[in-house]
């Protein structure tokens, strides 16, 4: 199998998951596509090395988080373009309203806290995996998650019980891993 075939195979298996992570980090589908594309360009240049790693997907996910944080640092003080959801969400489905409220609250978190929430709770990663992907300690992941969930409770008080439930589930799962 040549380099291009192995990269295509990797993309077939992981593109949706990586795109979901990029979207949850950026909060905008177009920016998420740009983020993923820029990371994939870097990865394909190093594909031989990446392929030799135990977990190329973990490398790609870590590259996504790092590139996202790097973009934010460069844009510090300037606005990030994004399409905001409607001021008032109207839906007969509670889950749609909840998704919009959570998305709006996520977008107001600092980049590292958002990355921790996305990796820990949306990607269902362990604290150790999240720490590895972010290049920090497990303690940092725990404190960032705690601060982020506290901030989410403040930003969306109507969902505070759901955030507490999420935190309790994660603690229980972590204890069993």
N, C-alpha and C. Protein backbone atom coordinates (compact mmCIF):
# COMPACT_ATOMS: atom_id res chain seq x y z
N UNK A 1 0.85 -1.16 0.00
CA UNK A 1 0.00 0.00 0.00
C UNK A 1 0.90 1.24 0.00
N UNK A 2 0.64 2.15 -0.93
CA UNK A 2 1.48 3.34 -0.99
C UNK A 2 1.00 4.40 0.00
N UNK A 3 1.76 5.48 0.10
CA UNK A 3 1.50 6.55 1.06
C UNK A 3 0.10 7.14 0.91
N UNK A 4 -0.28 7.42 -0.33
CA UNK A 4 -1.59 8.04 -0.57
C UNK A 4 -2.73 7.10 -0.17
N UNK A 5 -2.58 5.82 -0.49
CA UNK A 5 -3.62 4.86 -0.13
C UNK A 5 -3.78 4.74 1.38
N UNK A 6 -2.66 4.70 2.09
CA UNK A 6 -2.74 4.56 3.54
C UNK A 6 -3.34 5.83 4.17
N UNK A 7 -3.03 6.99 3.60
CA UNK A 7 -3.61 8.23 4.12
C UNK A 7 -5.12 8.26 3.85
N UNK A 8 -5.52 7.85 2.63
CA UNK A 8 -6.94 7.79 2.30
C UNK A 8 -7.68 6.85 3.25
N UNK A 9 -7.07 5.72 3.54
CA UNK A 9 -7.68 4.76 4.45
C UNK A 9 -7.84 5.37 5.85
N UNK A 10 -6.81 6.07 6.29
CA UNK A 10 -6.87 6.77 7.58
C UNK A 10 -8.00 7.78 7.58
N UNK A 11 -8.11 8.56 6.53
CA UNK A 11 -9.15 9.58 6.43
C UNK A 11 -10.54 8.96 6.40
N UNK A 12 -10.71 7.89 5.67
CA UNK A 12 -12.00 7.21 5.63
C UNK A 12 -12.44 6.78 7.02
N UNK A 13 -11.47 6.35 7.82
CA UNK A 13 -11.79 5.85 9.15
C UNK A 13 -11.99 6.96 10.18
N UNK A 14 -11.32 8.11 10.01
CA UNK A 14 -11.30 9.09 11.09
C UNK A 14 -11.77 10.50 10.73
N UNK A 15 -12.10 10.77 9.50
CA UNK A 15 -12.44 12.13 9.10
C UNK A 15 -13.64 12.68 9.86
N UNK A 16 -14.69 11.91 10.00
CA UNK A 16 -15.88 12.40 10.69
C UNK A 16 -15.59 12.74 12.15
N UNK A 17 -14.87 11.88 12.81
CA UNK A 17 -14.53 12.11 14.21
C UNK A 17 -13.65 13.34 14.37
N UNK A 18 -12.67 13.50 13.49
CA UNK A 18 -11.79 14.67 13.56
C UNK A 18 -12.55 15.95 13.23
N UNK A 19 -13.46 15.87 12.28
CA UNK A 19 -14.26 17.04 11.92
C UNK A 19 -15.18 17.44 13.08
N UNK A 20 -15.76 16.46 13.75
CA UNK A 20 -16.61 16.75 14.90
C UNK A 20 -15.80 17.46 15.99
N UNK A 21 -14.60 16.98 16.25
CA UNK A 21 -13.74 17.62 17.25
C UNK A 21 -13.42 19.05 16.83
N UNK A 22 -13.07 19.25 15.57
CA UNK A 22 -12.74 20.59 15.08
C UNK A 22 -13.95 21.52 15.22
N UNK A 23 -15.13 21.00 14.91
CA UNK A 23 -16.34 21.82 15.03
C UNK A 23 -16.62 22.20 16.48
N UNK A 24 -16.49 21.24 17.37
CA UNK A 24 -16.75 21.52 18.77
C UNK A 24 -15.73 22.51 19.34
N UNK A 25 -14.51 22.47 18.85
CA UNK A 25 -13.50 23.43 19.28
C UNK A 25 -13.79 24.83 18.77
N UNK A 26 -14.15 24.94 17.50
CA UNK A 26 -14.30 26.26 16.87
C UNK A 26 -15.71 26.82 16.97
N UNK A 27 -16.70 25.94 16.99
CA UNK A 27 -18.08 26.40 17.04
C UNK A 27 -18.62 26.85 15.70
N UNK A 28 -17.87 26.65 14.63
CA UNK A 28 -18.29 27.09 13.30
C UNK A 28 -17.83 26.05 12.28
N UNK A 29 -18.75 25.59 11.45
CA UNK A 29 -18.43 24.53 10.50
C UNK A 29 -17.34 24.93 9.50
N UNK A 30 -17.39 26.16 9.03
CA UNK A 30 -16.41 26.59 8.03
C UNK A 30 -15.02 26.74 8.63
N UNK A 31 -14.95 27.31 9.82
CA UNK A 31 -13.65 27.43 10.48
C UNK A 31 -13.13 26.04 10.85
N UNK A 32 -14.04 25.15 11.26
CA UNK A 32 -13.64 23.78 11.58
C UNK A 32 -13.04 23.08 10.36
N UNK A 33 -13.65 23.29 9.20
CA UNK A 33 -13.10 22.71 7.97
C UNK A 33 -11.71 23.25 7.68
N UNK A 34 -11.54 24.57 7.87
CA UNK A 34 -10.23 25.18 7.66
C UNK A 34 -9.20 24.61 8.64
N UNK A 35 -9.61 24.48 9.89
CA UNK A 35 -8.72 23.94 10.91
C UNK A 35 -8.29 22.52 10.56
N UNK A 36 -9.26 21.68 10.23
CA UNK A 36 -8.95 20.30 9.89
C UNK A 36 -8.07 20.23 8.65
N UNK A 37 -8.39 21.03 7.65
CA UNK A 37 -7.59 21.00 6.42
C UNK A 37 -6.15 21.41 6.70
N UNK A 38 -5.94 22.45 7.49
CA UNK A 38 -4.57 22.90 7.77
C UNK A 38 -3.79 21.82 8.53
N UNK A 39 -4.47 21.13 9.43
CA UNK A 39 -3.81 20.05 10.18
C UNK A 39 -3.50 18.87 9.26
N UNK A 40 -4.43 18.53 8.38
CA UNK A 40 -4.21 17.40 7.48
C UNK A 40 -3.07 17.67 6.50
N UNK A 41 -2.91 18.91 6.09
CA UNK A 41 -1.79 19.27 5.21
C UNK A 41 -0.47 19.01 5.93
N UNK A 42 -0.41 19.38 7.19
CA UNK A 42 0.81 19.13 7.98
C UNK A 42 1.03 17.64 8.18
N UNK A 43 -0.05 16.92 8.42
CA UNK A 43 0.07 15.48 8.69
C UNK A 43 0.53 14.73 7.46
N UNK A 44 -0.03 15.06 6.29
CA UNK A 44 0.34 14.29 5.09
C UNK A 44 1.81 14.52 4.72
N UNK A 45 2.34 15.68 5.07
CA UNK A 45 3.76 15.93 4.81
C UNK A 45 4.64 15.02 5.67
N UNK A 46 4.14 14.63 6.82
CA UNK A 46 4.89 13.78 7.76
C UNK A 46 4.26 12.39 7.85
N UNK A 47 3.52 12.00 6.85
CA UNK A 47 2.71 10.79 6.94
C UNK A 47 3.53 9.55 7.28
N UNK A 48 4.72 9.42 6.75
CA UNK A 48 5.55 8.23 7.06
C UNK A 48 5.81 8.14 8.56
N UNK A 49 6.16 9.27 9.17
CA UNK A 49 6.41 9.29 10.61
C UNK A 49 5.13 9.07 11.39
N UNK A 50 4.06 9.74 10.97
CA UNK A 50 2.78 9.62 11.68
C UNK A 50 2.27 8.19 11.62
N UNK A 51 2.41 7.57 10.48
CA UNK A 51 1.94 6.20 10.29
C UNK A 51 2.69 5.22 11.19
N UNK A 52 3.93 5.53 11.50
CA UNK A 52 4.72 4.64 12.35
C UNK A 52 4.35 4.76 13.83
N UNK A 53 3.56 5.75 14.18
CA UNK A 53 3.14 5.92 15.57
C UNK A 53 2.11 4.86 15.94
N UNK A 54 2.00 4.59 17.24
CA UNK A 54 1.01 3.61 17.70
C UNK A 54 -0.42 4.05 17.40
N UNK A 55 -0.68 5.36 17.57
CA UNK A 55 -2.04 5.87 17.40
C UNK A 55 -2.03 7.13 16.54
N UNK A 56 -2.03 6.99 15.23
CA UNK A 56 -2.03 8.17 14.37
C UNK A 56 -3.24 9.09 14.59
N UNK A 57 -4.37 8.51 14.97
CA UNK A 57 -5.56 9.33 15.22
C UNK A 57 -5.32 10.25 16.41
N UNK A 58 -4.68 9.74 17.45
CA UNK A 58 -4.39 10.56 18.63
C UNK A 58 -3.44 11.70 18.25
N UNK A 59 -2.49 11.42 17.39
CA UNK A 59 -1.57 12.46 16.91
C UNK A 59 -2.36 13.54 16.16
N UNK A 60 -3.27 13.11 15.30
CA UNK A 60 -4.08 14.06 14.52
C UNK A 60 -4.96 14.90 15.44
N UNK A 61 -5.56 14.28 16.44
CA UNK A 61 -6.42 15.00 17.37
C UNK A 61 -5.61 16.02 18.18
N UNK A 62 -4.43 15.61 18.62
CA UNK A 62 -3.57 16.53 19.36
C UNK A 62 -3.15 17.69 18.46
N UNK A 63 -2.86 17.40 17.21
CA UNK A 63 -2.50 18.46 16.26
C UNK A 63 -3.66 19.43 16.07
N UNK A 64 -4.89 18.92 16.05
CA UNK A 64 -6.08 19.79 15.95
C UNK A 64 -6.16 20.76 17.13
N UNK A 65 -6.02 20.22 18.32
CA UNK A 65 -6.11 21.05 19.52
C UNK A 65 -4.99 22.09 19.52
N UNK A 66 -3.77 21.66 19.21
CA UNK A 66 -2.64 22.59 19.20
C UNK A 66 -2.81 23.67 18.14
N UNK A 67 -3.26 23.29 16.95
CA UNK A 67 -3.45 24.28 15.88
C UNK A 67 -4.55 25.27 16.25
N UNK A 68 -5.60 24.77 16.85
CA UNK A 68 -6.70 25.65 17.28
C UNK A 68 -6.20 26.67 18.30
N UNK A 69 -5.49 26.19 19.31
CA UNK A 69 -4.96 27.10 20.33
C UNK A 69 -3.97 28.09 19.71
N UNK A 70 -3.17 27.62 18.77
CA UNK A 70 -2.22 28.50 18.08
C UNK A 70 -2.96 29.59 17.31
N UNK A 71 -4.02 29.23 16.62
CA UNK A 71 -4.82 30.21 15.88
C UNK A 71 -5.36 31.28 16.82
N UNK A 72 -5.84 30.85 17.97
CA UNK A 72 -6.41 31.80 18.91
C UNK A 72 -5.34 32.74 19.47
N UNK A 73 -4.17 32.22 19.71
CA UNK A 73 -3.08 33.08 20.20
C UNK A 73 -2.74 34.16 19.19
N UNK A 74 -2.67 33.76 17.92
CA UNK A 74 -2.35 34.73 16.87
C UNK A 74 -3.44 35.76 16.71
N UNK A 75 -4.66 35.36 16.99
CA UNK A 75 -5.80 36.27 16.80
C UNK A 75 -6.19 36.97 18.09
N UNK A 76 -5.36 36.85 19.12
CA UNK A 76 -5.69 37.47 20.40
C UNK A 76 -5.97 38.95 20.19
N UNK A 77 -7.08 39.38 20.74
CA UNK A 77 -7.45 40.77 20.60
C UNK A 77 -8.32 41.05 19.38
N UNK A 78 -8.38 40.12 18.46
CA UNK A 78 -9.26 40.31 17.31
C UNK A 78 -10.41 39.31 17.40
N UNK A 79 -11.44 39.59 16.67
CA UNK A 79 -12.61 38.71 16.71
C UNK A 79 -12.40 37.50 15.83
N UNK A 80 -12.96 36.39 16.27
CA UNK A 80 -13.00 35.19 15.45
C UNK A 80 -14.28 35.22 14.64
N UNK A 81 -14.20 35.08 13.33
CA UNK A 81 -15.43 35.06 12.55
C UNK A 81 -16.22 33.79 12.85
N UNK A 82 -17.51 33.93 13.02
CA UNK A 82 -18.36 32.76 13.19
C UNK A 82 -19.81 33.15 12.95
N UNK A 83 -20.56 32.18 12.58
CA UNK A 83 -21.99 32.40 12.37
C UNK A 83 -22.69 32.11 13.70
N UNK A 84 -23.25 33.15 14.31
CA UNK A 84 -23.92 32.97 15.59
C UNK A 84 -25.30 32.35 15.37
N UNK A 85 -25.71 31.51 16.31
CA UNK A 85 -27.06 30.97 16.21
C UNK A 85 -28.07 32.08 16.45
N UNK A 86 -29.32 31.86 16.13
CA UNK A 86 -30.34 32.88 16.32
C UNK A 86 -30.38 33.34 17.78
N UNK A 87 -30.79 34.59 17.98
CA UNK A 87 -30.89 35.14 19.33
C UNK A 87 -31.81 34.29 20.19
N UNK A 88 -32.95 33.96 19.65
CA UNK A 88 -33.88 33.11 20.38
C UNK A 88 -34.06 31.83 19.59
N UNK A 89 -33.85 30.75 20.26
CA UNK A 89 -33.99 29.46 19.60
C UNK A 89 -35.45 29.02 19.73
N UNK A 90 -36.03 28.61 18.62
CA UNK A 90 -37.39 28.10 18.67
C UNK A 90 -37.36 26.68 18.14
N UNK A 91 -37.81 25.78 18.97
CA UNK A 91 -37.87 24.39 18.56
C UNK A 91 -38.83 23.66 19.47
N UNK A 92 -39.53 22.72 18.90
CA UNK A 92 -40.40 21.90 19.72
C UNK A 92 -39.60 20.82 20.43
N UNK A 93 -38.37 20.63 19.99
CA UNK A 93 -37.50 19.61 20.59
C UNK A 93 -36.60 20.24 21.64
N UNK A 94 -36.71 19.78 22.87
CA UNK A 94 -35.85 20.28 23.94
C UNK A 94 -34.38 20.04 23.62
N UNK A 95 -34.08 18.91 23.01
CA UNK A 95 -32.68 18.59 22.73
C UNK A 95 -32.05 19.62 21.79
N UNK A 96 -32.82 20.15 20.86
CA UNK A 96 -32.30 21.18 19.95
C UNK A 96 -31.96 22.44 20.72
N UNK A 97 -32.85 22.84 21.60
CA UNK A 97 -32.63 24.04 22.42
C UNK A 97 -31.41 23.83 23.31
N UNK A 98 -31.31 22.66 23.92
CA UNK A 98 -30.17 22.36 24.79
C UNK A 98 -28.86 22.43 24.00
N UNK A 99 -28.85 21.84 22.80
CA UNK A 99 -27.64 21.87 21.97
C UNK A 99 -27.21 23.30 21.67
N UNK A 100 -28.17 24.15 21.36
CA UNK A 100 -27.85 25.54 21.03
C UNK A 100 -27.30 26.27 22.26
N UNK A 101 -27.96 26.07 23.39
CA UNK A 101 -27.51 26.73 24.63
C UNK A 101 -26.11 26.24 25.00
N UNK A 102 -25.88 24.94 24.94
CA UNK A 102 -24.56 24.39 25.27
C UNK A 102 -23.52 24.92 24.29
N UNK A 103 -23.85 24.96 23.02
CA UNK A 103 -22.90 25.47 22.02
C UNK A 103 -22.53 26.92 22.30
N UNK A 104 -23.53 27.75 22.60
CA UNK A 104 -23.26 29.16 22.90
C UNK A 104 -22.38 29.28 24.15
N UNK A 105 -22.67 28.48 25.16
CA UNK A 105 -21.87 28.52 26.38
C UNK A 105 -20.44 28.04 26.12
N UNK A 106 -20.30 26.96 25.34
CA UNK A 106 -18.96 26.46 24.99
C UNK A 106 -18.12 27.52 24.31
N UNK A 107 -18.74 28.27 23.42
CA UNK A 107 -18.01 29.30 22.68
C UNK A 107 -17.49 30.41 23.58
N UNK A 108 -18.03 30.52 24.78
CA UNK A 108 -17.60 31.58 25.70
C UNK A 108 -16.53 31.10 26.67
N UNK A 109 -16.14 29.82 26.58
CA UNK A 109 -15.06 29.30 27.41
C UNK A 109 -13.71 29.65 26.80
N UNK A 110 -12.68 29.80 27.63
CA UNK A 110 -11.32 29.95 27.10
C UNK A 110 -10.93 28.70 26.30
N UNK A 111 -10.03 28.83 25.34
CA UNK A 111 -9.69 27.72 24.44
C UNK A 111 -9.29 26.42 25.13
N UNK A 112 -8.45 26.49 26.15
CA UNK A 112 -8.01 25.26 26.82
C UNK A 112 -9.15 24.59 27.57
N UNK A 113 -10.01 25.39 28.19
CA UNK A 113 -11.15 24.81 28.89
C UNK A 113 -12.10 24.16 27.89
N UNK A 114 -12.31 24.82 26.76
CA UNK A 114 -13.19 24.25 25.73
C UNK A 114 -12.60 22.95 25.22
N UNK A 115 -11.29 22.92 25.01
CA UNK A 115 -10.63 21.71 24.52
C UNK A 115 -10.81 20.57 25.53
N UNK A 116 -10.66 20.85 26.82
CA UNK A 116 -10.84 19.82 27.84
C UNK A 116 -12.27 19.29 27.82
N UNK A 117 -13.25 20.18 27.74
CA UNK A 117 -14.66 19.75 27.72
C UNK A 117 -14.94 18.90 26.49
N UNK A 118 -14.45 19.34 25.34
CA UNK A 118 -14.69 18.59 24.10
C UNK A 118 -14.05 17.20 24.19
N UNK A 119 -12.80 17.14 24.61
CA UNK A 119 -12.11 15.85 24.65
C UNK A 119 -12.66 14.93 25.75
N UNK A 120 -12.90 15.48 26.94
CA UNK A 120 -13.36 14.66 28.05
C UNK A 120 -14.80 14.20 27.89
N UNK A 121 -15.69 15.12 27.53
CA UNK A 121 -17.11 14.79 27.59
C UNK A 121 -17.74 14.49 26.24
N UNK A 122 -17.31 15.16 25.19
CA UNK A 122 -17.87 14.87 23.86
C UNK A 122 -17.15 13.69 23.22
N UNK A 123 -15.83 13.66 23.38
CA UNK A 123 -15.05 12.56 22.80
C UNK A 123 -14.94 11.37 23.75
N UNK A 124 -15.40 11.55 24.99
CA UNK A 124 -15.38 10.52 26.02
C UNK A 124 -13.97 9.97 26.25
N UNK A 125 -13.02 10.88 26.35
CA UNK A 125 -11.62 10.51 26.62
C UNK A 125 -11.40 10.46 28.13
N UNK A 126 -10.43 9.66 28.54
CA UNK A 126 -10.05 9.64 29.95
C UNK A 126 -9.26 10.91 30.26
N UNK A 127 -9.06 11.16 31.54
CA UNK A 127 -8.25 12.31 31.93
C UNK A 127 -6.83 12.16 31.38
N UNK A 128 -6.30 10.95 31.45
CA UNK A 128 -4.94 10.69 30.97
C UNK A 128 -4.84 10.92 29.45
N UNK A 129 -5.81 10.40 28.70
CA UNK A 129 -5.81 10.60 27.24
C UNK A 129 -5.92 12.08 26.90
N UNK A 130 -6.79 12.77 27.62
CA UNK A 130 -6.97 14.21 27.38
C UNK A 130 -5.67 14.95 27.67
N UNK A 131 -5.02 14.60 28.76
CA UNK A 131 -3.74 15.23 29.12
C UNK A 131 -2.70 14.98 28.04
N UNK A 132 -2.63 13.75 27.54
CA UNK A 132 -1.68 13.43 26.48
C UNK A 132 -1.96 14.23 25.21
N UNK A 133 -3.23 14.31 24.84
CA UNK A 133 -3.60 15.04 23.63
C UNK A 133 -3.32 16.53 23.74
N UNK A 134 -3.46 17.06 24.96
CA UNK A 134 -3.26 18.49 25.15
C UNK A 134 -1.83 18.83 25.56
N UNK A 135 -1.04 17.81 25.85
CA UNK A 135 0.34 18.05 26.24
C UNK A 135 0.45 18.70 27.61
N UNK A 136 -0.37 18.25 28.56
CA UNK A 136 -0.34 18.81 29.91
C UNK A 136 -0.50 17.67 30.91
N UNK A 137 -0.54 18.02 32.19
CA UNK A 137 -0.67 16.99 33.23
C UNK A 137 -2.14 16.63 33.45
N UNK A 138 -2.36 15.50 34.08
CA UNK A 138 -3.71 15.06 34.43
C UNK A 138 -4.33 16.07 35.40
N UNK A 139 -3.52 16.61 36.30
CA UNK A 139 -4.01 17.61 37.25
C UNK A 139 -4.53 18.85 36.54
N UNK A 140 -3.85 19.25 35.48
CA UNK A 140 -4.31 20.40 34.69
C UNK A 140 -5.65 20.10 34.04
N UNK A 141 -5.79 18.89 33.52
CA UNK A 141 -7.06 18.50 32.91
C UNK A 141 -8.18 18.56 33.94
N UNK A 142 -7.91 18.03 35.14
CA UNK A 142 -8.93 18.03 36.19
C UNK A 142 -9.32 19.45 36.57
N UNK A 143 -8.33 20.32 36.77
CA UNK A 143 -8.66 21.69 37.19
C UNK A 143 -9.34 22.46 36.07
N UNK A 144 -8.89 22.28 34.82
CA UNK A 144 -9.52 22.96 33.69
C UNK A 144 -10.96 22.48 33.52
N UNK A 145 -11.20 21.18 33.69
CA UNK A 145 -12.56 20.63 33.57
C UNK A 145 -13.45 21.20 34.67
N UNK A 146 -12.93 21.24 35.89
CA UNK A 146 -13.71 21.78 37.01
C UNK A 146 -14.05 23.25 36.77
N UNK A 147 -13.06 24.04 36.35
CA UNK A 147 -13.30 25.46 36.09
C UNK A 147 -14.28 25.65 34.93
N UNK A 148 -14.12 24.84 33.89
CA UNK A 148 -14.99 24.96 32.72
C UNK A 148 -16.43 24.61 33.08
N UNK A 149 -16.62 23.53 33.83
CA UNK A 149 -17.98 23.15 34.20
C UNK A 149 -18.62 24.19 35.12
N UNK A 150 -17.82 24.78 36.01
CA UNK A 150 -18.34 25.86 36.85
C UNK A 150 -18.77 27.04 35.99
N UNK A 151 -17.95 27.36 35.02
CA UNK A 151 -18.27 28.48 34.11
C UNK A 151 -19.52 28.16 33.28
N UNK A 152 -19.62 26.92 32.80
CA UNK A 152 -20.80 26.52 32.02
C UNK A 152 -22.06 26.62 32.87
N UNK A 153 -21.97 26.24 34.14
CA UNK A 153 -23.13 26.36 35.03
C UNK A 153 -23.55 27.82 35.18
N UNK A 154 -22.56 28.71 35.25
CA UNK A 154 -22.87 30.14 35.38
C UNK A 154 -23.44 30.71 34.08
N UNK A 155 -22.92 30.25 32.95
CA UNK A 155 -23.37 30.75 31.65
C UNK A 155 -24.75 30.23 31.27
N UNK A 156 -25.05 29.03 31.70
CA UNK A 156 -26.34 28.41 31.36
C UNK A 156 -26.94 27.79 32.63
N UNK A 157 -27.41 28.64 33.56
CA UNK A 157 -27.90 28.12 34.84
C UNK A 157 -29.05 27.13 34.69
N UNK A 158 -29.82 27.27 33.61
CA UNK A 158 -30.93 26.34 33.40
C UNK A 158 -30.45 24.92 33.12
N UNK A 159 -29.18 24.78 32.74
CA UNK A 159 -28.62 23.46 32.45
C UNK A 159 -27.65 23.00 33.53
N UNK A 160 -27.52 23.75 34.61
CA UNK A 160 -26.59 23.40 35.69
C UNK A 160 -26.76 21.95 36.17
N UNK A 161 -27.99 21.47 36.36
CA UNK A 161 -28.12 20.06 36.78
C UNK A 161 -27.55 19.08 35.76
N UNK A 162 -27.70 19.39 34.47
CA UNK A 162 -27.17 18.51 33.44
C UNK A 162 -25.64 18.50 33.47
N UNK A 163 -25.02 19.67 33.70
CA UNK A 163 -23.56 19.74 33.79
C UNK A 163 -23.07 18.98 35.02
N UNK A 164 -23.80 19.07 36.12
CA UNK A 164 -23.43 18.33 37.33
C UNK A 164 -23.54 16.83 37.09
N UNK A 165 -24.60 16.44 36.40
CA UNK A 165 -24.80 15.02 36.07
C UNK A 165 -23.67 14.53 35.17
N UNK A 166 -23.29 15.32 34.20
CA UNK A 166 -22.19 14.99 33.29
C UNK A 166 -20.90 14.80 34.07
N UNK A 167 -20.63 15.71 35.00
CA UNK A 167 -19.42 15.64 35.81
C UNK A 167 -19.43 14.37 36.68
N UNK A 168 -20.58 14.07 37.28
CA UNK A 168 -20.69 12.87 38.12
C UNK A 168 -20.48 11.60 37.30
N UNK A 169 -21.05 11.55 36.09
CA UNK A 169 -20.86 10.39 35.22
C UNK A 169 -19.40 10.22 34.85
N UNK A 170 -18.74 11.32 34.53
CA UNK A 170 -17.32 11.25 34.15
C UNK A 170 -16.48 10.77 35.32
N UNK A 171 -16.78 11.26 36.54
CA UNK A 171 -16.04 10.82 37.72
C UNK A 171 -16.23 9.32 37.95
N UNK A 172 -17.46 8.85 37.79
CA UNK A 172 -17.75 7.43 37.96
C UNK A 172 -17.03 6.60 36.93
N UNK A 173 -17.07 7.03 35.67
CA UNK A 173 -16.39 6.30 34.60
C UNK A 173 -14.89 6.29 34.82
N UNK A 174 -14.33 7.40 35.25
CA UNK A 174 -12.90 7.50 35.49
C UNK A 174 -12.47 6.55 36.60
N UNK A 175 -13.32 6.43 37.62
CA UNK A 175 -13.00 5.54 38.73
C UNK A 175 -12.99 4.07 38.30
N UNK A 176 -13.81 3.74 37.29
CA UNK A 176 -13.90 2.36 36.82
C UNK A 176 -12.86 2.01 35.76
N UNK A 177 -12.17 3.01 35.23
CA UNK A 177 -11.19 2.74 34.15
C UNK A 177 -9.88 2.30 34.71
